[in-house]
Amino acid sequence: MTGFLDKAYRARDAASTRELYDDWAASYDAEVGENGYATPARCAEALKTHVNDMSAPLLDFGCGTGLSGLALKLAGFEIIDGVDLSAEMLDGARRKGVYRRLDKIEAGGALPDADYTAIAAIGVIGAGAAPIDVLHILMRALPRTGKLVFSFNDHALEDPAHEAGVAEWTDCGAARLLVKEHGPHLPGINLNSNVYVLEKQ
């Protein structure tokens, strides 16, 4: 089953992206689950290794139907807030019962008014999804020593702009790279991803 996966990695504007994910919401969990969606659990475990207070609120940016929030909850994170462009996806996230609050946001819009010391953007940035600018927005929102966990799948890694975005933070010492690990993303379609954890300096 790869009906929507076939479309997901094509470049599009924010409105078209929202429309795709609204349409995909009902079958999303089944489709990615059938293909062994591994990145959420990998990201959750990578972040857990570098967070001292598992009870501190965490923002799940681009939470979709909540598979990322579920992985974070299973890893031991206690308070998770989620935001997404798609109202239909947020309905799926609400049904998971793992979020404290869920909000619909606009592309390039403001983040919820809260001081998060950890943010997750799991499967969010890349071809057909959010631009690399999102990485900079999220890093700027973190306090010093705040952590961002995120992933780039193989399609995203084909565009050098994505890893260049990470280097913009690490090369000047504005952030420290704690984790960079290549591994399975959607094994059912032979797609891998890099998982990263950045600590703001």
N, C-alpha and C. Protein backbone atom coordinates (compact mmCIF):
# COMPACT_ATOMS: atom_id res chain seq x y z
N MET A 1 0.84 -1.19 0.00
CA MET A 1 0.00 0.00 0.00
C MET A 1 0.88 1.25 0.00
N THR A 2 0.93 1.95 -1.10
CA THR A 2 1.74 3.17 -1.17
C THR A 2 0.98 4.26 -1.91
N GLY A 3 -0.35 4.30 -1.77
CA GLY A 3 -1.16 5.26 -2.51
C GLY A 3 -0.74 6.70 -2.31
N PHE A 4 -0.65 7.14 -1.05
CA PHE A 4 -0.26 8.52 -0.79
C PHE A 4 1.26 8.67 -0.70
N LEU A 5 1.97 7.61 -0.30
CA LEU A 5 3.43 7.69 -0.23
C LEU A 5 4.01 8.04 -1.60
N ASP A 6 3.36 7.56 -2.66
CA ASP A 6 3.84 7.88 -4.01
C ASP A 6 3.81 9.38 -4.29
N LYS A 7 2.91 10.10 -3.61
CA LYS A 7 2.75 11.54 -3.84
C LYS A 7 3.50 12.39 -2.81
N ALA A 8 3.84 11.78 -1.69
CA ALA A 8 4.27 12.57 -0.54
C ALA A 8 5.59 13.30 -0.74
N TYR A 9 6.45 12.79 -1.61
CA TYR A 9 7.80 13.36 -1.71
C TYR A 9 7.96 14.30 -2.91
N ARG A 10 6.84 14.74 -3.49
CA ARG A 10 6.91 15.70 -4.58
C ARG A 10 6.79 17.11 -4.01
N ALA A 11 7.58 18.02 -4.56
CA ALA A 11 7.56 19.40 -4.08
C ALA A 11 6.20 20.03 -4.32
N ARG A 12 5.74 20.85 -3.33
CA ARG A 12 4.45 21.53 -3.46
C ARG A 12 4.44 22.71 -2.51
N ASP A 13 3.45 23.60 -2.66
CA ASP A 13 3.32 24.72 -1.75
C ASP A 13 2.57 24.30 -0.49
N ALA A 14 2.48 25.23 0.47
CA ALA A 14 1.91 24.89 1.77
C ALA A 14 0.45 24.48 1.66
N ALA A 15 -0.32 25.17 0.82
CA ALA A 15 -1.74 24.85 0.67
C ALA A 15 -1.93 23.45 0.11
N SER A 16 -1.12 23.09 -0.87
CA SER A 16 -1.21 21.76 -1.46
C SER A 16 -0.76 20.68 -0.48
N THR A 17 0.23 21.02 0.33
CA THR A 17 0.70 20.08 1.35
C THR A 17 -0.41 19.81 2.36
N ARG A 18 -1.09 20.88 2.81
CA ARG A 18 -2.19 20.70 3.76
C ARG A 18 -3.29 19.83 3.14
N GLU A 19 -3.60 20.09 1.88
CA GLU A 19 -4.65 19.33 1.20
C GLU A 19 -4.29 17.85 1.12
N LEU A 20 -3.02 17.57 0.76
CA LEU A 20 -2.57 16.18 0.68
C LEU A 20 -2.75 15.48 2.02
N TYR A 21 -2.29 16.13 3.10
CA TYR A 21 -2.34 15.48 4.41
C TYR A 21 -3.76 15.40 4.96
N ASP A 22 -4.62 16.36 4.64
CA ASP A 22 -6.03 16.24 5.00
C ASP A 22 -6.63 14.99 4.34
N ASP A 23 -6.34 14.81 3.05
CA ASP A 23 -6.88 13.67 2.31
C ASP A 23 -6.30 12.34 2.80
N TRP A 24 -5.04 12.38 3.24
CA TRP A 24 -4.31 11.17 3.64
C TRP A 24 -4.65 10.72 5.06
N ALA A 25 -5.21 11.63 5.86
CA ALA A 25 -5.33 11.40 7.30
C ALA A 25 -5.99 10.06 7.64
N ALA A 26 -7.07 9.72 6.93
CA ALA A 26 -7.83 8.51 7.28
C ALA A 26 -7.04 7.23 7.10
N SER A 27 -6.14 7.21 6.11
CA SER A 27 -5.39 5.97 5.83
C SER A 27 -3.91 6.06 6.20
N TYR A 28 -3.49 7.21 6.77
CA TYR A 28 -2.06 7.46 7.01
C TYR A 28 -1.44 6.39 7.91
N ASP A 29 -2.04 6.14 9.06
CA ASP A 29 -1.44 5.20 10.02
C ASP A 29 -1.28 3.81 9.40
N ALA A 30 -2.31 3.38 8.67
CA ALA A 30 -2.25 2.05 8.05
C ALA A 30 -1.17 1.99 6.99
N GLU A 31 -1.06 3.05 6.19
CA GLU A 31 -0.11 3.02 5.07
C GLU A 31 1.33 3.04 5.55
N VAL A 32 1.64 3.96 6.47
CA VAL A 32 3.03 4.00 6.93
C VAL A 32 3.32 2.82 7.85
N GLY A 33 2.30 2.36 8.59
CA GLY A 33 2.49 1.20 9.47
C GLY A 33 2.80 -0.06 8.68
N GLU A 34 2.11 -0.24 7.56
CA GLU A 34 2.34 -1.40 6.71
C GLU A 34 3.76 -1.41 6.16
N ASN A 35 4.34 -0.22 6.05
CA ASN A 35 5.70 -0.10 5.52
C ASN A 35 6.76 0.02 6.62
N GLY A 36 6.33 -0.22 7.88
CA GLY A 36 7.29 -0.34 8.98
C GLY A 36 7.87 0.96 9.49
N TYR A 37 7.06 2.01 9.52
CA TYR A 37 7.53 3.37 9.89
C TYR A 37 8.36 3.34 11.17
N ALA A 38 9.66 3.53 11.05
CA ALA A 38 10.59 3.33 12.16
C ALA A 38 11.15 4.63 12.75
N THR A 39 11.06 5.73 12.03
CA THR A 39 11.73 6.96 12.46
C THR A 39 11.19 7.53 13.77
N PRO A 40 9.88 7.52 14.04
CA PRO A 40 9.43 8.09 15.31
C PRO A 40 10.08 7.46 16.54
N ALA A 41 10.13 6.14 16.59
CA ALA A 41 10.75 5.47 17.74
C ALA A 41 12.24 5.77 17.81
N ARG A 42 12.90 5.82 16.66
CA ARG A 42 14.34 6.14 16.64
C ARG A 42 14.58 7.55 17.17
N CYS A 43 13.75 8.51 16.76
CA CYS A 43 13.90 9.89 17.23
C CYS A 43 13.62 9.99 18.73
N ALA A 44 12.56 9.33 19.18
CA ALA A 44 12.20 9.39 20.59
C ALA A 44 13.31 8.85 21.47
N GLU A 45 13.91 7.74 21.08
CA GLU A 45 14.99 7.15 21.87
C GLU A 45 16.25 8.02 21.83
N ALA A 46 16.52 8.63 20.67
CA ALA A 46 17.69 9.50 20.56
C ALA A 46 17.54 10.73 21.46
N LEU A 47 16.34 11.31 21.48
CA LEU A 47 16.11 12.48 22.32
C LEU A 47 16.16 12.11 23.80
N LYS A 48 15.56 11.00 24.15
CA LYS A 48 15.52 10.54 25.54
C LYS A 48 16.92 10.45 26.14
N THR A 49 17.87 10.02 25.35
CA THR A 49 19.25 9.86 25.82
C THR A 49 19.86 11.18 26.27
N HIS A 50 19.33 12.29 25.76
CA HIS A 50 19.97 13.59 26.02
C HIS A 50 19.07 14.57 26.79
N VAL A 51 17.98 14.08 27.35
CA VAL A 51 17.07 14.92 28.13
C VAL A 51 17.10 14.47 29.58
N ASN A 52 17.29 15.43 30.49
CA ASN A 52 17.37 15.10 31.91
C ASN A 52 16.00 15.01 32.56
N ASP A 53 15.08 15.89 32.17
CA ASP A 53 13.77 15.98 32.81
C ASP A 53 12.68 15.52 31.85
N MET A 54 12.24 14.29 32.01
CA MET A 54 11.23 13.72 31.11
C MET A 54 9.84 14.29 31.36
N SER A 55 9.69 15.08 32.44
CA SER A 55 8.39 15.68 32.75
C SER A 55 8.26 17.09 32.18
N ALA A 56 9.35 17.64 31.61
CA ALA A 56 9.28 18.98 31.02
C ALA A 56 8.46 18.93 29.73
N PRO A 57 7.57 19.91 29.49
CA PRO A 57 6.76 19.91 28.27
C PRO A 57 7.61 19.88 27.00
N LEU A 58 7.16 19.11 26.04
CA LEU A 58 7.86 18.91 24.77
C LEU A 58 6.88 19.27 23.64
N LEU A 59 7.38 19.94 22.61
CA LEU A 59 6.55 20.28 21.46
C LEU A 59 6.82 19.30 20.32
N ASP A 60 5.76 18.67 19.85
CA ASP A 60 5.82 17.76 18.69
C ASP A 60 5.33 18.57 17.48
N PHE A 61 6.28 19.13 16.74
CA PHE A 61 5.97 20.02 15.62
C PHE A 61 5.70 19.18 14.37
N GLY A 62 4.55 19.42 13.73
CA GLY A 62 4.18 18.59 12.59
C GLY A 62 3.77 17.21 13.05
N CYS A 63 2.93 17.17 14.07
CA CYS A 63 2.64 15.91 14.76
C CYS A 63 1.81 14.94 13.93
N GLY A 64 1.17 15.43 12.86
CA GLY A 64 0.38 14.54 12.02
C GLY A 64 -0.71 13.82 12.80
N THR A 65 -0.85 12.53 12.58
CA THR A 65 -1.89 11.75 13.27
C THR A 65 -1.45 11.30 14.66
N GLY A 66 -0.28 11.73 15.10
CA GLY A 66 0.15 11.43 16.45
C GLY A 66 1.05 10.23 16.61
N LEU A 67 1.53 9.65 15.50
CA LEU A 67 2.45 8.52 15.63
C LEU A 67 3.75 8.95 16.31
N SER A 68 4.17 10.18 16.05
CA SER A 68 5.38 10.70 16.70
C SER A 68 5.13 10.90 18.20
N GLY A 69 3.97 11.47 18.54
CA GLY A 69 3.65 11.67 19.95
C GLY A 69 3.53 10.35 20.70
N LEU A 70 2.97 9.35 20.05
CA LEU A 70 2.85 8.02 20.66
C LEU A 70 4.23 7.45 20.95
N ALA A 71 5.16 7.60 19.99
CA ALA A 71 6.54 7.12 20.19
C ALA A 71 7.21 7.86 21.33
N LEU A 72 6.99 9.17 21.41
CA LEU A 72 7.58 9.97 22.49
C LEU A 72 7.01 9.56 23.84
N LYS A 73 5.72 9.30 23.89
CA LYS A 73 5.07 8.86 25.13
C LYS A 73 5.62 7.51 25.57
N LEU A 74 5.75 6.60 24.62
CA LEU A 74 6.27 5.26 24.93
C LEU A 74 7.72 5.32 25.40
N ALA A 75 8.46 6.35 24.94
CA ALA A 75 9.85 6.51 25.38
C ALA A 75 9.94 7.12 26.78
N GLY A 76 8.80 7.62 27.29
CA GLY A 76 8.79 8.14 28.67
C GLY A 76 8.55 9.62 28.82
N PHE A 77 8.39 10.35 27.71
CA PHE A 77 8.09 11.78 27.81
C PHE A 77 6.66 11.94 28.33
N GLU A 78 6.48 12.82 29.31
CA GLU A 78 5.22 12.86 30.05
C GLU A 78 4.24 13.91 29.53
N ILE A 79 4.72 15.06 29.10
CA ILE A 79 3.83 16.15 28.68
C ILE A 79 4.19 16.55 27.24
N ILE A 80 3.28 16.26 26.32
CA ILE A 80 3.54 16.50 24.90
C ILE A 80 2.44 17.37 24.32
N ASP A 81 2.83 18.46 23.67
CA ASP A 81 1.91 19.31 22.92
C ASP A 81 2.19 19.10 21.44
N GLY A 82 1.16 19.14 20.62
CA GLY A 82 1.34 18.93 19.19
C GLY A 82 0.77 20.06 18.36
N VAL A 83 1.43 20.34 17.22
CA VAL A 83 0.91 21.30 16.25
C VAL A 83 1.05 20.71 14.85
N ASP A 84 0.12 21.07 13.97
CA ASP A 84 0.17 20.58 12.60
C ASP A 84 -0.64 21.52 11.71
N LEU A 85 -0.34 21.47 10.39
CA LEU A 85 -1.08 22.26 9.40
C LEU A 85 -2.46 21.69 9.13
N SER A 86 -2.61 20.39 9.29
CA SER A 86 -3.80 19.68 8.84
C SER A 86 -4.77 19.38 9.98
N ALA A 87 -5.97 19.93 9.88
CA ALA A 87 -7.00 19.67 10.88
C ALA A 87 -7.39 18.19 10.91
N GLU A 88 -7.41 17.57 9.73
CA GLU A 88 -7.78 16.15 9.66
C GLU A 88 -6.72 15.28 10.36
N MET A 89 -5.47 15.62 10.16
CA MET A 89 -4.40 14.88 10.84
C MET A 89 -4.51 15.08 12.36
N LEU A 90 -4.81 16.30 12.79
CA LEU A 90 -4.94 16.58 14.22
C LEU A 90 -6.07 15.77 14.85
N ASP A 91 -7.12 15.52 14.08
CA ASP A 91 -8.20 14.66 14.60
C ASP A 91 -7.66 13.27 14.93
N GLY A 92 -6.79 12.76 14.06
CA GLY A 92 -6.16 11.47 14.32
C GLY A 92 -5.27 11.51 15.55
N ALA A 93 -4.54 12.61 15.70
CA ALA A 93 -3.66 12.77 16.87
C ALA A 93 -4.48 12.82 18.16
N ARG A 94 -5.62 13.49 18.10
CA ARG A 94 -6.49 13.62 19.28
C ARG A 94 -6.94 12.23 19.75
N ARG A 95 -7.21 11.36 18.81
CA ARG A 95 -7.69 10.02 19.16
C ARG A 95 -6.61 9.17 19.84
N LYS A 96 -5.34 9.54 19.68
CA LYS A 96 -4.26 8.77 20.33
C LYS A 96 -4.26 8.97 21.84
N GLY A 97 -4.76 10.12 22.30
CA GLY A 97 -4.85 10.37 23.74
C GLY A 97 -3.52 10.59 24.43
N VAL A 98 -2.50 11.03 23.70
CA VAL A 98 -1.18 11.20 24.32
C VAL A 98 -0.77 12.68 24.46
N TYR A 99 -1.58 13.59 23.92
CA TYR A 99 -1.21 15.01 23.92
C TYR A 99 -1.93 15.79 25.00
N ARG A 100 -1.21 16.75 25.59
CA ARG A 100 -1.84 17.68 26.52
C ARG A 100 -2.70 18.68 25.75
N ARG A 101 -2.16 19.19 24.65
CA ARG A 101 -2.92 20.12 23.81
C ARG A 101 -2.49 19.94 22.35
N LEU A 102 -3.40 20.27 21.45
CA LEU A 102 -3.15 20.18 20.02
C LEU A 102 -3.65 21.46 19.36
N ASP A 103 -2.84 22.03 18.47
CA ASP A 103 -3.19 23.28 17.81
C ASP A 103 -2.91 23.19 16.32
N LYS A 104 -3.79 23.78 15.54
CA LYS A 104 -3.57 23.93 14.10
C LYS A 104 -2.78 25.20 13.87
N ILE A 105 -1.75 25.12 13.05
CA ILE A 105 -0.92 26.29 12.76
C ILE A 105 -0.89 26.54 11.26
N GLU A 106 -0.45 27.72 10.90
CA GLU A 106 -0.26 28.08 9.49
C GLU A 106 1.21 27.92 9.14
N ALA A 107 1.49 27.67 7.87
CA ALA A 107 2.88 27.58 7.41
C ALA A 107 3.60 28.89 7.71
N GLY A 108 4.72 28.82 8.39
CA GLY A 108 5.48 30.01 8.74
C GLY A 108 4.90 30.79 9.89
N GLY A 109 3.82 30.27 10.49
CA GLY A 109 3.16 30.97 11.59
C GLY A 109 3.90 30.79 12.91
N ALA A 110 3.40 31.50 13.92
CA ALA A 110 4.03 31.48 15.24
C ALA A 110 3.82 30.13 15.93
N LEU A 111 4.77 29.75 16.74
CA LEU A 111 4.65 28.55 17.56
C LEU A 111 3.79 28.86 18.78
N PRO A 112 3.25 27.85 19.45
CA PRO A 112 2.48 28.09 20.68
C PRO A 112 3.32 28.88 21.68
N ASP A 113 2.65 29.69 22.46
CA ASP A 113 3.33 30.56 23.42
C ASP A 113 3.68 29.75 24.67
N ALA A 114 4.79 29.05 24.59
CA ALA A 114 5.27 28.25 25.71
C ALA A 114 6.78 28.09 25.58
N ASP A 115 7.43 27.90 26.72
CA ASP A 115 8.88 27.75 26.72
C ASP A 115 9.23 26.26 26.72
N TYR A 116 9.47 25.73 25.53
CA TYR A 116 9.82 24.32 25.41
C TYR A 116 11.34 24.16 25.45
N THR A 117 11.81 23.23 26.26
CA THR A 117 13.24 22.93 26.29
C THR A 117 13.59 21.80 25.34
N ALA A 118 12.56 21.18 24.75
CA ALA A 118 12.78 20.14 23.75
C ALA A 118 11.67 20.22 22.70
N ILE A 119 12.06 20.09 21.44
CA ILE A 119 11.13 20.11 20.32
C ILE A 119 11.45 18.92 19.42
N ALA A 120 10.42 18.27 18.91
CA ALA A 120 10.57 17.19 17.95
C ALA A 120 9.96 17.61 16.62
N ALA A 121 10.66 17.31 15.52
CA ALA A 121 10.14 17.54 14.17
C ALA A 121 10.44 16.27 13.38
N ILE A 122 9.63 15.26 13.61
CA ILE A 122 9.91 13.90 13.14
C ILE A 122 9.25 13.68 11.78
N GLY A 123 10.07 13.49 10.75
CA GLY A 123 9.55 13.28 9.41
C GLY A 123 8.88 14.52 8.84
N VAL A 124 9.30 15.68 9.29
CA VAL A 124 8.61 16.94 8.96
C VAL A 124 9.30 17.71 7.84
N ILE A 125 10.62 17.77 7.88
CA ILE A 125 11.38 18.62 6.94
C ILE A 125 11.86 17.77 5.78
N GLY A 126 11.61 18.22 4.56
CA GLY A 126 12.11 17.48 3.40
C GLY A 126 11.26 17.67 2.18
N ALA A 127 11.60 16.94 1.14
CA ALA A 127 10.90 17.04 -0.14
C ALA A 127 9.42 16.76 0.03
N GLY A 128 8.59 17.68 -0.45
CA GLY A 128 7.15 17.51 -0.36
C GLY A 128 6.57 17.85 0.99
N ALA A 129 7.40 18.29 1.93
CA ALA A 129 6.92 18.63 3.26
C ALA A 129 7.43 20.03 3.63
N ALA A 130 7.87 20.21 4.86
CA ALA A 130 8.29 21.55 5.30
C ALA A 130 9.69 21.89 4.77
N PRO A 131 9.93 23.19 4.50
CA PRO A 131 11.25 23.62 4.02
C PRO A 131 12.27 23.66 5.15
N ILE A 132 13.53 23.79 4.79
CA ILE A 132 14.61 23.82 5.78
C ILE A 132 14.49 25.03 6.71
N ASP A 133 13.77 26.07 6.27
CA ASP A 133 13.54 27.23 7.15
C ASP A 133 12.94 26.82 8.48
N VAL A 134 12.16 25.75 8.48
CA VAL A 134 11.52 25.28 9.71
C VAL A 134 12.57 24.90 10.76
N LEU A 135 13.67 24.31 10.32
CA LEU A 135 14.75 23.98 11.26
C LEU A 135 15.22 25.23 11.99
N HIS A 136 15.40 26.32 11.25
CA HIS A 136 15.89 27.57 11.85
C HIS A 136 14.85 28.17 12.79
N ILE A 137 13.58 28.11 12.41
CA ILE A 137 12.51 28.62 13.28
C ILE A 137 12.49 27.87 14.61
N LEU A 138 12.59 26.55 14.54
CA LEU A 138 12.53 25.74 15.75
C LEU A 138 13.77 25.94 16.62
N MET A 139 14.93 26.02 16.01
CA MET A 139 16.16 26.25 16.80
C MET A 139 16.13 27.61 17.48
N ARG A 140 15.62 28.62 16.77
CA ARG A 140 15.55 29.95 17.39
C ARG A 140 14.57 29.98 18.55
N ALA A 141 13.56 29.11 18.51
CA ALA A 141 12.55 29.07 19.57
C ALA A 141 13.06 28.42 20.86
N LEU A 142 14.13 27.65 20.76
CA LEU A 142 14.65 26.94 21.92
C LEU A 142 15.50 27.85 22.80
N PRO A 143 15.51 27.61 24.11
CA PRO A 143 16.45 28.30 24.99
C PRO A 143 17.83 27.66 24.89
N ARG A 144 18.81 28.28 25.49
CA ARG A 144 20.15 27.70 25.53
C ARG A 144 20.08 26.33 26.22
N THR A 145 20.77 25.36 25.68
CA THR A 145 20.80 23.94 26.07
C THR A 145 19.52 23.20 25.66
N GLY A 146 18.59 23.88 24.99
CA GLY A 146 17.40 23.20 24.48
C GLY A 146 17.77 22.21 23.38
N LYS A 147 16.95 21.17 23.22
CA LYS A 147 17.25 20.10 22.26
C LYS A 147 16.19 20.03 21.17
N LEU A 148 16.66 19.82 19.94
CA LEU A 148 15.77 19.57 18.81
C LEU A 148 16.10 18.22 18.22
N VAL A 149 15.11 17.33 18.16
CA VAL A 149 15.28 16.07 17.45
C VAL A 149 14.49 16.16 16.15
N PHE A 150 15.10 15.71 15.06
CA PHE A 150 14.44 15.78 13.75
C PHE A 150 15.05 14.72 12.85
N SER A 151 14.44 14.57 11.68
CA SER A 151 14.93 13.55 10.76
C SER A 151 14.89 14.07 9.33
N PHE A 152 15.81 13.57 8.52
CA PHE A 152 15.79 13.78 7.07
C PHE A 152 15.77 12.40 6.43
N ASN A 153 14.74 12.11 5.64
CA ASN A 153 14.76 10.83 4.95
C ASN A 153 15.69 10.91 3.74
N ASP A 154 15.85 9.79 3.05
CA ASP A 154 16.81 9.74 1.94
C ASP A 154 16.48 10.76 0.84
N HIS A 155 15.19 11.03 0.62
CA HIS A 155 14.82 12.04 -0.38
C HIS A 155 15.33 13.42 0.05
N ALA A 156 15.16 13.75 1.33
CA ALA A 156 15.65 15.03 1.85
C ALA A 156 17.17 15.11 1.76
N LEU A 157 17.84 14.00 2.03
CA LEU A 157 19.30 13.99 2.01
C LEU A 157 19.88 14.17 0.61
N GLU A 158 19.05 13.94 -0.42
CA GLU A 158 19.51 14.17 -1.79
C GLU A 158 19.70 15.66 -2.08
N ASP A 159 19.06 16.51 -1.29
CA ASP A 159 19.18 17.96 -1.46
C ASP A 159 20.19 18.48 -0.45
N PRO A 160 21.35 18.96 -0.90
CA PRO A 160 22.40 19.39 0.03
C PRO A 160 21.97 20.54 0.93
N ALA A 161 20.89 21.24 0.57
CA ALA A 161 20.42 22.36 1.40
C ALA A 161 20.02 21.91 2.81
N HIS A 162 19.60 20.65 2.93
CA HIS A 162 19.14 20.20 4.24
C HIS A 162 20.30 20.03 5.22
N GLU A 163 21.32 19.30 4.83
CA GLU A 163 22.46 19.17 5.74
C GLU A 163 23.22 20.50 5.88
N ALA A 164 23.17 21.34 4.86
CA ALA A 164 23.77 22.68 4.96
C ALA A 164 23.06 23.49 6.04
N GLY A 165 21.74 23.28 6.19
CA GLY A 165 21.00 23.96 7.24
C GLY A 165 21.46 23.57 8.62
N VAL A 166 21.78 22.30 8.80
CA VAL A 166 22.33 21.83 10.08
C VAL A 166 23.70 22.46 10.31
N ALA A 167 24.50 22.49 9.27
CA ALA A 167 25.87 23.04 9.38
C ALA A 167 25.85 24.53 9.74
N GLU A 168 24.81 25.24 9.31
CA GLU A 168 24.71 26.66 9.68
C GLU A 168 24.71 26.85 11.19
N TRP A 169 24.18 25.89 11.91
CA TRP A 169 24.15 25.97 13.37
C TRP A 169 25.41 25.40 14.01
N THR A 170 25.89 24.28 13.47
CA THR A 170 27.02 23.61 14.12
C THR A 170 28.37 24.22 13.79
N ASP A 171 28.55 24.70 12.56
CA ASP A 171 29.86 25.19 12.14
C ASP A 171 30.29 26.44 12.91
N CYS A 172 29.33 27.26 13.30
CA CYS A 172 29.66 28.49 14.02
C CYS A 172 29.56 28.32 15.53
N GLY A 173 29.21 27.12 15.97
CA GLY A 173 29.12 26.85 17.41
C GLY A 173 27.81 27.28 18.04
N ALA A 174 26.80 27.64 17.23
CA ALA A 174 25.50 28.03 17.78
C ALA A 174 24.73 26.82 18.29
N ALA A 175 25.14 25.64 17.82
CA ALA A 175 24.52 24.40 18.29
C ALA A 175 25.56 23.29 18.26
N ARG A 176 25.30 22.28 19.06
CA ARG A 176 26.17 21.11 19.12
C ARG A 176 25.40 19.90 18.60
N LEU A 177 26.01 19.15 17.71
CA LEU A 177 25.38 17.95 17.16
C LEU A 177 25.61 16.79 18.14
N LEU A 178 24.54 16.33 18.78
CA LEU A 178 24.64 15.25 19.75
C LEU A 178 24.43 13.89 19.11
N VAL A 179 23.57 13.84 18.09
CA VAL A 179 23.24 12.57 17.43
C VAL A 179 23.12 12.81 15.94
N LYS A 180 23.71 11.92 15.17
CA LYS A 180 23.46 11.82 13.73
C LYS A 180 23.59 10.35 13.38
N GLU A 181 22.44 9.73 13.07
CA GLU A 181 22.43 8.28 12.89
C GLU A 181 21.55 7.91 11.71
N HIS A 182 22.13 7.18 10.77
CA HIS A 182 21.39 6.71 9.60
C HIS A 182 20.79 5.34 9.92
N GLY A 183 19.52 5.17 9.53
CA GLY A 183 18.87 3.89 9.81
C GLY A 183 17.53 3.81 9.11
N PRO A 184 16.70 2.82 9.45
CA PRO A 184 15.45 2.60 8.73
C PRO A 184 14.43 3.71 8.95
N HIS A 185 13.72 4.05 7.89
CA HIS A 185 12.62 5.02 7.92
C HIS A 185 11.32 4.30 7.56
N LEU A 186 11.22 3.88 6.31
CA LEU A 186 10.09 3.04 5.84
C LEU A 186 10.69 1.83 5.14
N PRO A 187 11.06 0.81 5.91
CA PRO A 187 11.73 -0.35 5.31
C PRO A 187 10.92 -1.02 4.20
N GLY A 188 9.59 -0.92 4.28
CA GLY A 188 8.75 -1.55 3.28
C GLY A 188 8.96 -1.01 1.88
N ILE A 189 9.45 0.24 1.78
CA ILE A 189 9.77 0.81 0.46
C ILE A 189 11.27 1.12 0.36
N ASN A 190 12.06 0.47 1.23
CA ASN A 190 13.53 0.61 1.21
C ASN A 190 13.98 2.07 1.35
N LEU A 191 13.32 2.80 2.25
CA LEU A 191 13.67 4.19 2.47
C LEU A 191 14.24 4.34 3.87
N ASN A 192 15.40 4.99 3.97
CA ASN A 192 16.07 5.22 5.25
C ASN A 192 16.01 6.70 5.63
N SER A 193 16.53 7.00 6.81
CA SER A 193 16.57 8.39 7.25
C SER A 193 17.74 8.61 8.20
N ASN A 194 18.16 9.85 8.29
CA ASN A 194 19.07 10.29 9.35
C ASN A 194 18.25 10.85 10.49
N VAL A 195 18.59 10.48 11.70
CA VAL A 195 18.03 11.07 12.91
C VAL A 195 19.09 11.97 13.53
N TYR A 196 18.70 13.18 13.91
CA TYR A 196 19.61 14.15 14.48
C TYR A 196 19.08 14.65 15.82
N VAL A 197 19.98 14.96 16.72
CA VAL A 197 19.65 15.76 17.90
C VAL A 197 20.64 16.91 17.99
N LEU A 198 20.11 18.13 17.99
CA LEU A 198 20.93 19.33 18.13
C LEU A 198 20.67 19.94 19.50
N GLU A 199 21.73 20.42 20.13
CA GLU A 199 21.61 21.16 21.39
C GLU A 199 22.02 22.61 21.13
N LYS A 200 21.14 23.53 21.44
CA LYS A 200 21.43 24.95 21.22
C LYS A 200 22.47 25.42 22.24
N GLN A 201 23.42 26.20 21.77
CA GLN A 201 24.49 26.69 22.64
C GLN A 201 24.29 28.16 23.00
